[in-house]
N, C-alpha and C. Protein backbone atom coordinates (compact mmCIF):
# COMPACT_ATOMS: atom_id res chain seq x y z
N UNK A 1 -8.28 -59.68 18.58
CA UNK A 1 -7.51 -58.39 18.37
C UNK A 1 -8.41 -57.64 17.62
N UNK A 2 -8.58 -56.12 18.12
CA UNK A 2 -9.18 -55.14 16.98
C UNK A 2 -7.89 -54.13 16.59
N UNK A 3 -8.82 -53.90 15.81
CA UNK A 3 -9.56 -54.00 14.67
C UNK A 3 -9.15 -54.95 13.55
N UNK A 4 -10.27 -55.43 13.38
CA UNK A 4 -10.16 -56.80 12.28
C UNK A 4 -9.71 -56.38 11.11
N UNK A 5 -9.90 -55.15 10.68
CA UNK A 5 -9.18 -54.87 9.48
C UNK A 5 -8.96 -53.40 9.49
N UNK A 6 -8.06 -52.89 8.77
CA UNK A 6 -7.18 -51.79 8.72
C UNK A 6 -7.67 -50.99 7.42
N UNK A 7 -7.88 -49.75 6.94
CA UNK A 7 -7.79 -49.29 5.73
C UNK A 7 -6.71 -48.81 5.42
N UNK A 8 -6.06 -48.73 4.34
CA UNK A 8 -4.94 -47.84 3.87
C UNK A 8 -5.04 -47.55 2.83
N UNK A 9 -4.87 -45.90 2.50
CA UNK A 9 -4.76 -45.16 1.52
C UNK A 9 -3.40 -45.19 1.06
N UNK A 10 -2.84 -45.61 0.01
CA UNK A 10 -1.64 -45.61 -0.99
C UNK A 10 -1.50 -44.46 -1.94
N UNK A 11 -0.39 -43.69 -1.80
CA UNK A 11 -0.04 -42.72 -3.48
C UNK A 11 1.10 -42.59 -3.10
N UNK A 12 1.46 -42.09 -4.71
CA UNK A 12 3.00 -42.18 -4.84
C UNK A 12 3.02 -40.89 -4.44
N UNK A 13 4.71 -40.71 -3.85
CA UNK A 13 5.39 -39.73 -2.92
C UNK A 13 5.85 -38.81 -4.72
N UNK A 14 5.38 -37.57 -4.37
CA UNK A 14 6.39 -36.44 -5.53
C UNK A 14 6.82 -35.38 -5.08
N UNK A 15 7.05 -34.36 -5.49
CA UNK A 15 7.87 -33.17 -5.53
C UNK A 15 7.14 -32.23 -6.10
N UNK A 16 6.75 -31.23 -5.63
CA UNK A 16 6.69 -30.18 -6.52
C UNK A 16 6.98 -28.84 -6.13
N UNK A 17 7.81 -27.68 -7.19
CA UNK A 17 8.44 -26.76 -6.42
C UNK A 17 6.98 -25.25 -6.94
N UNK A 18 6.62 -24.73 -5.52
CA UNK A 18 5.87 -24.02 -5.64
C UNK A 18 5.94 -22.69 -5.13
N UNK A 19 5.83 -21.61 -5.87
CA UNK A 19 5.48 -20.08 -5.15
C UNK A 19 5.02 -20.02 -3.63
N UNK A 20 5.40 -19.05 -2.74
CA UNK A 20 5.32 -18.64 -1.58
C UNK A 20 4.55 -18.07 -1.71
N UNK A 21 3.60 -17.73 -0.82
CA UNK A 21 2.46 -16.41 -0.18
C UNK A 21 2.82 -16.16 0.91
N UNK A 22 3.48 -15.04 1.17
CA UNK A 22 3.74 -14.00 2.60
C UNK A 22 2.80 -13.05 2.77
N UNK A 23 2.56 -12.88 4.26
CA UNK A 23 1.16 -12.41 4.99
C UNK A 23 2.17 -11.35 5.78
N UNK A 24 1.34 -10.48 5.84
CA UNK A 24 1.65 -9.45 6.75
C UNK A 24 0.42 -8.76 7.91
N UNK A 25 1.08 -8.72 9.10
CA UNK A 25 -0.47 -8.18 10.03
C UNK A 25 -0.12 -7.27 10.58
N UNK A 26 -0.83 -6.31 11.46
CA UNK A 26 -0.53 -5.01 12.27
C UNK A 26 -0.37 -4.05 11.27
N UNK A 27 -0.10 -2.97 12.36
CA UNK A 27 0.44 -1.60 11.72
C UNK A 27 1.53 -1.42 12.51
N UNK A 28 2.39 -0.28 11.79
CA UNK A 28 3.76 -0.06 12.85
C UNK A 28 3.17 0.81 13.38
N UNK A 29 4.50 1.36 14.31
CA UNK A 29 4.58 2.56 14.98
C UNK A 29 3.84 3.88 14.39
N UNK A 30 3.51 4.65 15.39
CA UNK A 30 3.11 5.85 14.69
C UNK A 30 4.18 6.34 14.36
N UNK A 31 4.52 7.54 12.83
CA UNK A 31 5.37 8.24 12.13
C UNK A 31 6.20 7.10 11.37
N UNK A 32 5.55 5.87 11.60
CA UNK A 32 6.36 4.67 10.54
C UNK A 32 5.37 4.37 9.38
N UNK A 33 5.74 3.97 8.60
CA UNK A 33 4.62 3.45 6.97
C UNK A 33 5.32 2.28 6.53
N UNK A 34 4.59 1.44 6.31
CA UNK A 34 4.67 0.48 5.20
C UNK A 34 4.03 0.14 3.70
N UNK A 35 4.49 0.57 2.65
CA UNK A 35 4.52 0.71 1.14
C UNK A 35 3.58 -0.07 0.89
N UNK A 36 3.60 -1.21 1.59
CA UNK A 36 2.84 -2.90 0.85
C UNK A 36 4.04 -3.85 0.46
N UNK A 37 4.93 -3.33 -0.21
CA UNK A 37 5.72 -4.07 -0.35
C UNK A 37 6.75 -5.07 0.75
N UNK A 38 7.45 -6.31 -0.04
CA UNK A 38 8.10 -7.05 1.03
C UNK A 38 8.95 -7.53 0.23
N UNK A 39 10.05 -8.40 0.88
CA UNK A 39 11.15 -9.40 0.48
C UNK A 39 10.94 -10.66 0.61
N UNK A 40 11.34 -11.81 -0.17
CA UNK A 40 11.00 -13.05 0.41
C UNK A 40 12.15 -13.56 -0.10
N UNK A 41 12.88 -14.58 0.74
CA UNK A 41 13.73 -15.28 0.20
C UNK A 41 13.90 -17.00 0.90
N UNK A 42 13.71 -17.90 -0.12
CA UNK A 42 13.29 -17.93 -1.39
C UNK A 42 12.10 -17.39 -1.88
N UNK A 43 11.64 -17.14 -2.83
CA UNK A 43 10.14 -16.92 -3.31
C UNK A 43 9.54 -18.51 -3.71
N UNK A 44 10.56 -19.44 -4.20
CA UNK A 44 9.89 -20.77 -4.29
C UNK A 44 10.25 -22.02 -3.19
N UNK A 45 9.42 -22.79 -2.94
CA UNK A 45 10.15 -24.05 -2.34
C UNK A 45 9.62 -25.28 -2.84
N UNK A 46 10.27 -26.55 -2.01
CA UNK A 46 10.12 -27.49 -2.83
C UNK A 46 8.81 -28.34 -1.80
N UNK A 47 7.70 -28.88 -2.08
CA UNK A 47 7.07 -29.46 -1.68
C UNK A 47 7.06 -30.70 -1.66
N UNK A 48 7.36 -31.98 -0.74
CA UNK A 48 7.02 -33.19 -1.05
C UNK A 48 6.11 -34.04 -0.18
N UNK A 49 5.72 -34.93 -0.67
CA UNK A 49 4.29 -35.49 -0.25
C UNK A 49 3.48 -36.28 -1.19
N UNK A 50 2.33 -36.63 -0.56
CA UNK A 50 1.52 -37.57 -1.58
C UNK A 50 1.02 -36.54 -2.94
N UNK A 51 1.04 -37.18 -3.97
CA UNK A 51 0.74 -36.96 -5.33
C UNK A 51 -0.46 -35.88 -5.71
N UNK A 52 -1.65 -36.82 -4.68
CA UNK A 52 -3.17 -35.95 -4.76
C UNK A 52 -2.97 -34.71 -4.40
N UNK A 53 -2.22 -34.75 -3.18
CA UNK A 53 -2.26 -33.66 -1.83
C UNK A 53 -1.69 -32.58 -2.72
N UNK A 54 -0.49 -32.72 -3.49
CA UNK A 54 0.26 -31.75 -4.24
C UNK A 54 -0.31 -31.20 -5.03
N UNK A 55 -1.13 -31.86 -5.70
CA UNK A 55 -1.90 -31.15 -6.90
C UNK A 55 -2.74 -30.46 -6.80
N UNK A 56 -3.33 -30.40 -5.10
CA UNK A 56 -4.06 -29.29 -4.73
C UNK A 56 -4.02 -28.47 -4.68
N UNK A 57 -2.42 -28.14 -4.65
CA UNK A 57 -1.66 -26.61 -3.96
C UNK A 57 -1.34 -25.62 -5.26
N UNK A 58 -1.57 -24.38 -5.14
CA UNK A 58 -0.96 -23.74 -6.04
C UNK A 58 0.43 -22.55 -5.58
N UNK A 59 0.17 -22.68 -4.15
CA UNK A 59 1.41 -21.77 -3.54
C UNK A 59 1.29 -22.50 -2.14
N UNK A 60 2.32 -22.20 -1.19
CA UNK A 60 2.33 -22.58 0.30
C UNK A 60 2.44 -21.01 0.83
N UNK A 61 1.22 -21.00 1.39
CA UNK A 61 0.88 -19.93 2.70
C UNK A 61 1.69 -19.87 4.02
N UNK A 62 2.40 -18.95 3.87
CA UNK A 62 3.22 -18.67 5.30
C UNK A 62 2.74 -18.10 6.36
N UNK A 63 3.24 -18.56 7.69
CA UNK A 63 3.06 -17.59 8.61
C UNK A 63 2.91 -16.30 8.69
N UNK A 64 2.32 -15.36 8.88
CA UNK A 64 2.32 -14.04 8.91
C UNK A 64 3.29 -13.43 9.64
N UNK A 65 3.74 -12.48 9.49
CA UNK A 65 5.01 -11.86 9.83
C UNK A 65 4.20 -10.45 10.53
N UNK A 66 3.92 -10.14 11.94
CA UNK A 66 3.71 -9.42 12.28
C UNK A 66 4.71 -8.08 13.04
N UNK A 67 3.86 -6.88 12.03
CA UNK A 67 4.75 -5.29 12.25
C UNK A 67 4.23 -4.50 13.45
N UNK A 68 3.21 -5.03 14.27
CA UNK A 68 2.30 -4.02 15.24
C UNK A 68 3.43 -3.36 16.19
N UNK A 69 3.11 -1.89 16.05
CA UNK A 69 4.20 -0.90 16.72
C UNK A 69 5.99 -0.78 16.42
N UNK A 70 5.99 -1.69 15.44
CA UNK A 70 7.21 -1.64 14.99
C UNK A 70 7.68 -0.42 14.68
N UNK A 71 9.24 -0.11 14.68
CA UNK A 71 9.25 1.14 13.87
C UNK A 71 10.49 0.97 13.19
N UNK A 72 10.92 -0.06 12.82
CA UNK A 72 12.24 -0.65 11.89
C UNK A 72 11.61 -1.83 11.15
N UNK A 73 12.86 -1.94 9.94
CA UNK A 73 12.20 -2.87 9.08
C UNK A 73 12.25 -4.01 9.88
N UNK A 74 11.40 -5.08 9.36
CA UNK A 74 10.86 -6.09 10.24
C UNK A 74 11.49 -7.70 9.47
N UNK A 75 12.30 -8.48 9.66
CA UNK A 75 12.80 -9.60 9.08
C UNK A 75 12.47 -10.98 9.89
N UNK A 76 11.68 -11.93 9.18
CA UNK A 76 11.89 -13.03 9.93
C UNK A 76 11.95 -14.17 9.33
N UNK A 77 12.15 -15.22 10.18
CA UNK A 77 11.66 -16.94 9.56
C UNK A 77 10.89 -17.28 9.62
N UNK A 78 10.02 -17.85 8.68
CA UNK A 78 8.52 -17.96 8.81
C UNK A 78 8.27 -19.53 8.34
N UNK A 79 7.31 -20.24 8.55
CA UNK A 79 7.37 -21.74 8.50
C UNK A 79 5.59 -21.94 7.32
N UNK A 80 5.43 -22.49 6.79
CA UNK A 80 4.37 -22.72 6.17
C UNK A 80 3.21 -22.49 7.27
N UNK A 81 2.44 -21.91 7.20
CA UNK A 81 1.06 -21.81 7.72
C UNK A 81 0.50 -23.10 7.70
N UNK A 82 0.28 -23.67 7.18
CA UNK A 82 -0.85 -25.39 6.86
C UNK A 82 -0.37 -26.11 5.55
N UNK A 83 0.16 -26.99 5.58
CA UNK A 83 0.12 -27.94 4.31
C UNK A 83 -0.84 -28.86 4.70
N UNK A 84 -1.31 -29.76 3.32
CA UNK A 84 -1.52 -30.91 3.56
C UNK A 84 -1.04 -32.18 4.77
N UNK A 85 -1.51 -33.17 5.38
CA UNK A 85 -1.31 -34.59 6.04
C UNK A 85 0.05 -34.92 4.90
N UNK A 86 1.09 -35.55 6.04
CA UNK A 86 2.14 -36.03 4.90
C UNK A 86 2.90 -35.18 4.05
N UNK A 87 2.65 -33.66 4.02
CA UNK A 87 3.70 -33.53 3.11
C UNK A 87 4.68 -32.01 3.81
N UNK A 88 5.73 -32.20 3.22
CA UNK A 88 6.79 -31.41 3.76
C UNK A 88 7.46 -30.23 2.99
N UNK A 89 8.28 -29.48 3.73
CA UNK A 89 8.70 -28.50 2.57
C UNK A 89 10.49 -27.71 2.98
N UNK A 90 10.95 -27.64 1.75
CA UNK A 90 11.98 -27.36 1.65
C UNK A 90 12.55 -26.19 1.11
N UNK A 91 12.99 -25.19 1.97
CA UNK A 91 13.31 -25.21 3.25
C UNK A 91 12.38 -25.26 4.16
N UNK A 92 12.42 -25.60 5.10
CA UNK A 92 11.36 -25.02 6.35
C UNK A 92 11.17 -24.12 6.61
N UNK A 93 11.85 -23.14 6.24
CA UNK A 93 11.73 -21.64 6.88
C UNK A 93 11.83 -20.89 5.50
N UNK A 94 11.92 -19.87 5.49
CA UNK A 94 11.44 -18.98 4.37
C UNK A 94 11.84 -17.42 5.05
N UNK A 95 12.38 -16.73 4.76
CA UNK A 95 12.50 -15.35 5.12
C UNK A 95 12.01 -14.09 4.40
N UNK A 96 11.05 -13.33 5.04
CA UNK A 96 10.31 -12.41 5.09
C UNK A 96 10.66 -11.16 5.63
N UNK A 97 11.03 -9.99 4.86
CA UNK A 97 11.41 -8.61 5.03
C UNK A 97 10.52 -8.03 4.82
N UNK A 98 9.77 -7.09 5.67
CA UNK A 98 8.78 -6.14 5.80
C UNK A 98 9.49 -4.96 5.72
N UNK A 99 9.83 -3.81 4.72
CA UNK A 99 10.61 -2.67 4.94
C UNK A 99 9.54 -1.52 5.52
N UNK A 100 10.34 -0.68 6.65
CA UNK A 100 9.18 -0.08 7.48
C UNK A 100 10.40 1.29 6.94
N UNK A 101 9.65 2.38 6.90
CA UNK A 101 10.02 3.55 6.75
C UNK A 101 9.60 5.06 7.62
N UNK A 102 10.41 5.92 8.15
CA UNK A 102 9.91 6.96 8.40
C UNK A 102 9.16 7.56 7.82
N UNK A 103 8.26 8.20 8.31
CA UNK A 103 7.09 9.03 7.64
C UNK A 103 7.74 10.68 7.83
N UNK A 104 7.36 11.09 6.52
CA UNK A 104 7.97 12.87 6.46
C UNK A 104 6.62 13.56 5.94
N UNK A 105 6.58 14.78 6.45
CA UNK A 105 5.31 15.49 6.46
C UNK A 105 6.36 16.78 5.75
N UNK A 106 6.21 17.65 4.48
CA UNK A 106 6.43 18.44 3.82
C UNK A 106 5.16 19.68 3.90
N UNK A 107 5.03 20.89 4.32
CA UNK A 107 4.53 21.93 3.90
C UNK A 107 4.58 22.82 2.86
N UNK A 108 3.62 23.74 2.12
CA UNK A 108 4.34 24.36 1.12
C UNK A 108 3.03 25.08 0.70
N UNK A 109 3.03 26.30 0.29
CA UNK A 109 1.91 27.15 -0.07
C UNK A 109 1.94 27.87 -1.40
N UNK A 110 0.62 27.53 -2.05
CA UNK A 110 0.71 27.23 -3.79
C UNK A 110 -0.42 28.16 -3.92
N UNK A 111 -0.45 28.82 -5.02
CA UNK A 111 -1.13 30.01 -5.77
C UNK A 111 -2.36 28.87 -6.43
N UNK A 112 -3.75 28.69 -6.00
CA UNK A 112 -4.66 28.13 -6.64
C UNK A 112 -5.01 28.66 -7.83
N UNK A 113 -4.89 27.57 -8.90
CA UNK A 113 -5.15 27.73 -10.40
C UNK A 113 -6.46 27.57 -10.64
N UNK A 114 -6.89 28.41 -12.09
CA UNK A 114 -8.04 27.95 -12.54
C UNK A 114 -8.30 26.61 -13.37
N UNK A 115 -9.51 25.94 -13.23
CA UNK A 115 -9.17 24.80 -14.01
C UNK A 115 -9.58 25.05 -15.76
N UNK A 116 -9.15 24.10 -16.35
CA UNK A 116 -9.42 24.94 -17.92
C UNK A 116 -10.57 25.15 -18.65
N UNK A 117 -10.76 26.49 -19.27
CA UNK A 117 -11.90 27.06 -19.56
C UNK A 117 -12.74 27.98 -18.79
N UNK A 118 -11.78 27.82 -17.31
CA UNK A 118 -12.55 29.03 -16.12
C UNK A 118 -11.19 30.23 -16.25
N UNK A 119 -10.41 30.26 -16.99
CA UNK A 119 -9.73 31.37 -16.42
C UNK A 119 -10.22 32.97 -16.54
N UNK A 120 -11.14 33.08 -16.79
CA UNK A 120 -11.61 34.64 -16.45
C UNK A 120 -12.12 34.68 -15.04
N UNK A 121 -11.95 33.42 -14.18
CA UNK A 121 -12.30 33.69 -12.83
C UNK A 121 -11.05 33.21 -11.97
N UNK A 122 -11.23 33.71 -10.87
CA UNK A 122 -10.28 33.40 -9.71
C UNK A 122 -10.93 33.00 -8.57
N UNK A 123 -10.14 32.85 -7.37
CA UNK A 123 -10.82 32.41 -5.97
C UNK A 123 -10.36 33.11 -4.66
N UNK A 124 -10.91 33.43 -3.41
CA UNK A 124 -10.55 33.89 -2.43
C UNK A 124 -10.39 32.99 -1.76
N UNK A 125 -9.38 32.62 -0.51
CA UNK A 125 -8.15 32.96 -0.80
C UNK A 125 -7.33 32.84 -1.90
N UNK A 126 -6.25 33.15 -2.43
CA UNK A 126 -5.72 32.94 -3.51
C UNK A 126 -4.91 32.03 -3.66
N UNK A 127 -4.27 31.33 -2.38
CA UNK A 127 -3.13 30.66 -2.11
C UNK A 127 -3.70 29.32 -0.89
N UNK A 128 -3.04 28.54 -0.95
CA UNK A 128 -3.59 27.34 0.36
C UNK A 128 -2.16 26.45 0.66
N UNK A 129 -1.79 26.22 1.85
CA UNK A 129 -1.03 25.58 2.91
C UNK A 129 -1.68 23.81 2.52
N UNK A 130 -0.42 23.11 1.55
CA UNK A 130 -0.75 21.86 1.31
C UNK A 130 0.27 21.28 2.32
N UNK A 131 -0.41 20.04 2.77
CA UNK A 131 0.65 19.00 3.65
C UNK A 131 0.40 17.99 3.11
N UNK A 132 1.91 17.36 2.69
CA UNK A 132 1.62 16.04 2.28
C UNK A 132 2.60 15.09 3.00
N UNK A 133 2.18 13.77 3.23
CA UNK A 133 2.60 13.10 4.28
C UNK A 133 2.73 11.83 3.61
N UNK A 134 3.77 11.27 3.38
CA UNK A 134 4.41 9.91 2.84
C UNK A 134 5.35 9.53 3.42
N UNK A 135 5.92 8.33 2.63
CA UNK A 135 7.61 7.67 3.39
C UNK A 135 8.50 8.67 2.92
N UNK A 136 9.47 8.88 3.83
CA UNK A 136 10.57 10.11 3.77
C UNK A 136 11.38 10.23 2.25
N UNK A 137 11.25 8.67 1.86
CA UNK A 137 11.92 8.32 0.62
C UNK A 137 11.32 8.76 -0.62
N UNK A 138 10.06 9.34 -0.33
CA UNK A 138 9.26 9.58 -1.47
C UNK A 138 9.46 11.65 -1.35
N UNK A 139 9.59 11.77 -0.71
CA UNK A 139 9.37 13.16 -0.30
C UNK A 139 11.14 14.13 -0.20
N UNK A 140 11.37 13.60 -0.28
CA UNK A 140 12.93 14.80 -0.50
C UNK A 140 13.26 16.00 -0.79
N UNK A 141 13.86 16.78 -0.26
CA UNK A 141 14.09 18.53 -0.14
C UNK A 141 13.66 18.71 -1.72
N UNK A 142 12.76 19.65 -1.87
CA UNK A 142 11.94 19.89 -3.43
C UNK A 142 11.33 19.55 -3.47
N UNK A 143 10.59 18.12 -3.51
CA UNK A 143 9.57 17.00 -4.21
C UNK A 143 8.64 17.54 -4.37
N UNK A 144 8.23 18.76 -3.55
CA UNK A 144 7.27 19.16 -3.99
C UNK A 144 7.09 20.46 -4.24
N UNK A 145 8.23 20.88 -5.76
CA UNK A 145 8.30 22.03 -6.03
C UNK A 145 7.26 22.33 -7.39
N UNK A 146 6.95 21.19 -7.92
CA UNK A 146 5.97 21.07 -8.92
C UNK A 146 4.48 21.04 -8.87
N UNK A 147 4.56 20.63 -7.22
CA UNK A 147 2.93 20.79 -6.70
C UNK A 147 1.79 21.74 -7.72
N UNK A 148 0.71 21.29 -8.13
CA UNK A 148 -0.05 22.39 -8.46
C UNK A 148 -1.83 22.09 -8.09
N UNK A 149 -2.16 23.24 -7.42
CA UNK A 149 -3.91 23.25 -6.79
C UNK A 149 -4.37 23.80 -7.78
N UNK A 150 -5.88 22.75 -8.00
CA UNK A 150 -6.52 23.55 -9.08
C UNK A 150 -8.00 23.52 -8.74
N UNK A 151 -8.79 24.88 -8.52
CA UNK A 151 -10.28 24.52 -7.94
C UNK A 151 -10.95 23.75 -8.89
N UNK A 152 -12.18 23.16 -8.33
CA UNK A 152 -13.11 22.19 -9.03
C UNK A 152 -13.90 23.11 -9.48
N UNK A 153 -14.45 23.14 -10.90
CA UNK A 153 -15.79 23.41 -11.56
C UNK A 153 -16.76 22.50 -11.78
N UNK A 154 -17.62 22.34 -10.81
CA UNK A 154 -18.80 21.16 -11.01
C UNK A 154 -20.10 21.46 -11.92
N UNK A 155 -19.89 22.59 -12.42
CA UNK A 155 -20.83 23.39 -12.84
C UNK A 155 -20.31 24.58 -14.01
N UNK A 156 -20.93 25.13 -14.65
CA UNK A 156 -20.14 26.29 -15.59
C UNK A 156 -20.09 27.35 -14.09
N UNK A 157 -18.60 28.22 -14.89
CA UNK A 157 -18.13 29.00 -13.71
C UNK A 157 -19.10 30.13 -13.19
N UNK A 158 -19.86 30.79 -14.51
CA UNK A 158 -20.37 31.68 -14.12
C UNK A 158 -21.64 31.25 -13.10
N UNK A 159 -22.13 30.30 -12.91
CA UNK A 159 -22.94 29.55 -11.92
C UNK A 159 -22.00 29.85 -10.45
N UNK A 160 -20.99 29.49 -10.50
CA UNK A 160 -20.18 29.18 -9.04
C UNK A 160 -19.79 30.48 -8.31
N UNK A 161 -19.92 31.76 -9.11
CA UNK A 161 -19.52 32.53 -8.16
C UNK A 161 -20.31 32.80 -7.06
N UNK A 162 -19.42 33.18 -6.35
CA UNK A 162 -19.90 33.37 -4.66
C UNK A 162 -20.52 31.85 -3.60
N UNK A 163 -19.64 31.26 -4.40
CA UNK A 163 -20.20 29.75 -4.17
C UNK A 163 -18.63 29.04 -3.58
N UNK A 164 -18.48 28.25 -2.71
CA UNK A 164 -17.46 27.30 -2.14
C UNK A 164 -17.27 26.56 -3.24
N UNK A 165 -16.02 26.12 -3.73
CA UNK A 165 -15.76 25.03 -4.15
C UNK A 165 -14.51 24.07 -3.85
N UNK A 166 -14.57 22.68 -4.08
CA UNK A 166 -13.10 22.19 -3.28
C UNK A 166 -11.83 22.18 -4.46
N UNK A 167 -11.13 21.96 -4.15
CA UNK A 167 -9.80 21.76 -4.36
C UNK A 167 -9.13 20.05 -5.11
N UNK A 168 -8.03 20.53 -6.29
CA UNK A 168 -7.62 19.18 -5.93
C UNK A 168 -5.89 19.27 -7.21
N UNK A 169 -5.30 18.62 -5.88
CA UNK A 169 -3.61 18.48 -6.34
C UNK A 169 -3.02 17.53 -6.95
N UNK A 170 -2.42 18.36 -7.69
CA UNK A 170 -1.82 17.36 -8.71
C UNK A 170 -0.15 16.97 -8.58
N UNK A 171 0.83 16.27 -9.45
CA UNK A 171 1.68 15.62 -9.06
C UNK A 171 2.21 15.33 -7.62
N UNK A 172 1.63 14.38 -7.15
CA UNK A 172 2.19 13.75 -6.14
C UNK A 172 2.26 12.23 -6.30
N UNK A 173 3.08 11.74 -5.29
CA UNK A 173 3.16 10.22 -5.70
C UNK A 173 1.52 9.34 -5.06
N UNK A 174 1.29 8.28 -5.70
CA UNK A 174 0.18 7.75 -5.34
C UNK A 174 -0.11 7.58 -3.75
N UNK A 175 0.63 7.22 -3.24
CA UNK A 175 0.28 6.71 -1.54
C UNK A 175 0.56 7.94 -0.68
N UNK A 176 0.87 9.39 -0.88
CA UNK A 176 0.84 10.50 -0.31
C UNK A 176 -0.85 10.66 0.25
N UNK A 177 -0.34 11.19 1.22
CA UNK A 177 -1.45 11.47 1.79
C UNK A 177 -1.98 13.04 1.98
N UNK A 178 -2.63 14.35 1.94
CA UNK A 178 -2.72 15.68 1.66
C UNK A 178 -3.89 16.06 2.52
N UNK A 179 -3.35 17.17 2.79
CA UNK A 179 -4.54 17.89 3.62
C UNK A 179 -4.24 19.27 2.88
N UNK A 180 -5.31 20.06 2.92
CA UNK A 180 -5.08 21.28 2.46
C UNK A 180 -5.67 22.48 3.56
N UNK A 181 -5.21 23.39 3.37
CA UNK A 181 -5.84 25.14 4.69
C UNK A 181 -6.03 26.09 3.93
N UNK A 182 -7.14 26.62 3.52
CA UNK A 182 -8.28 25.73 3.61
C UNK A 182 -8.73 24.47 2.58
N UNK A 183 -9.94 23.77 2.52
CA UNK A 183 -9.89 22.67 1.92
C UNK A 183 -11.08 23.25 1.00
N UNK A 184 -11.47 24.54 0.69
CA UNK A 184 -12.11 24.94 -0.47
C UNK A 184 -12.05 26.63 -0.43
N UNK A 185 -12.21 27.01 -1.38
CA UNK A 185 -12.03 28.23 -1.64
C UNK A 185 -13.40 29.30 -2.36
N UNK A 186 -13.76 30.32 -2.38
CA UNK A 186 -14.70 30.79 -3.30
C UNK A 186 -14.54 31.32 -4.38
N UNK A 187 -15.43 31.04 -5.41
CA UNK A 187 -15.13 31.83 -6.57
C UNK A 187 -15.84 32.97 -7.10
N UNK A 188 -14.79 33.95 -7.73
CA UNK A 188 -15.17 35.63 -8.07
C UNK A 188 -14.80 35.52 -9.45
N UNK A 189 -15.17 36.21 -9.83
CA UNK A 189 -14.68 37.07 -11.55
C UNK A 189 -13.27 37.76 -11.39
N UNK A 190 -12.32 37.30 -12.13
CA UNK A 190 -11.19 37.62 -12.28
C UNK A 190 -11.42 39.30 -12.30
N UNK A 191 -10.20 40.07 -11.93
CA UNK A 191 -9.96 41.61 -11.89
C UNK A 191 -9.34 41.74 -13.46
N UNK A 192 -9.62 42.80 -14.09
CA UNK A 192 -9.23 43.22 -15.39
C UNK A 192 -7.79 43.60 -15.24
């Protein structure tokens, strides 16, 4: 009879509560944005298996939730991507919710302000149109009321007269995308 010998590895069965690591793949449909946050329920699972295998785990990586082309929040029950041999997870599935939101754009015309120490200079044109795009929840009506645009002075202002300089926008959410028209202005002495 074959084989003549059989090698067995024996290990104690153990249990370990571990956090889950959710993953998201893809890009939502045009005009829809994902801010990078997600909801996971439950946030931890109980893994059962050989104690040596459990000791190597610091979390349970989940199958990816795919949001390619999606226009609305995606919720999926996902399993572990991979667990060591002889290990199981309880519960077997975790619900991952990826909130997607419509994107909004707001446009406002703003006077270009001088940077600190350059008040004796102004720019042409004096106003620029700022278009801000972000999740709709970040851009309610009136959200751009406090927006300010300054021209940049990479050198002494008197050296910049007649030259084009860039612009900087302040008071916006971090994830907002900004476009200005025009993107630069020409420095000139202020009229008394």
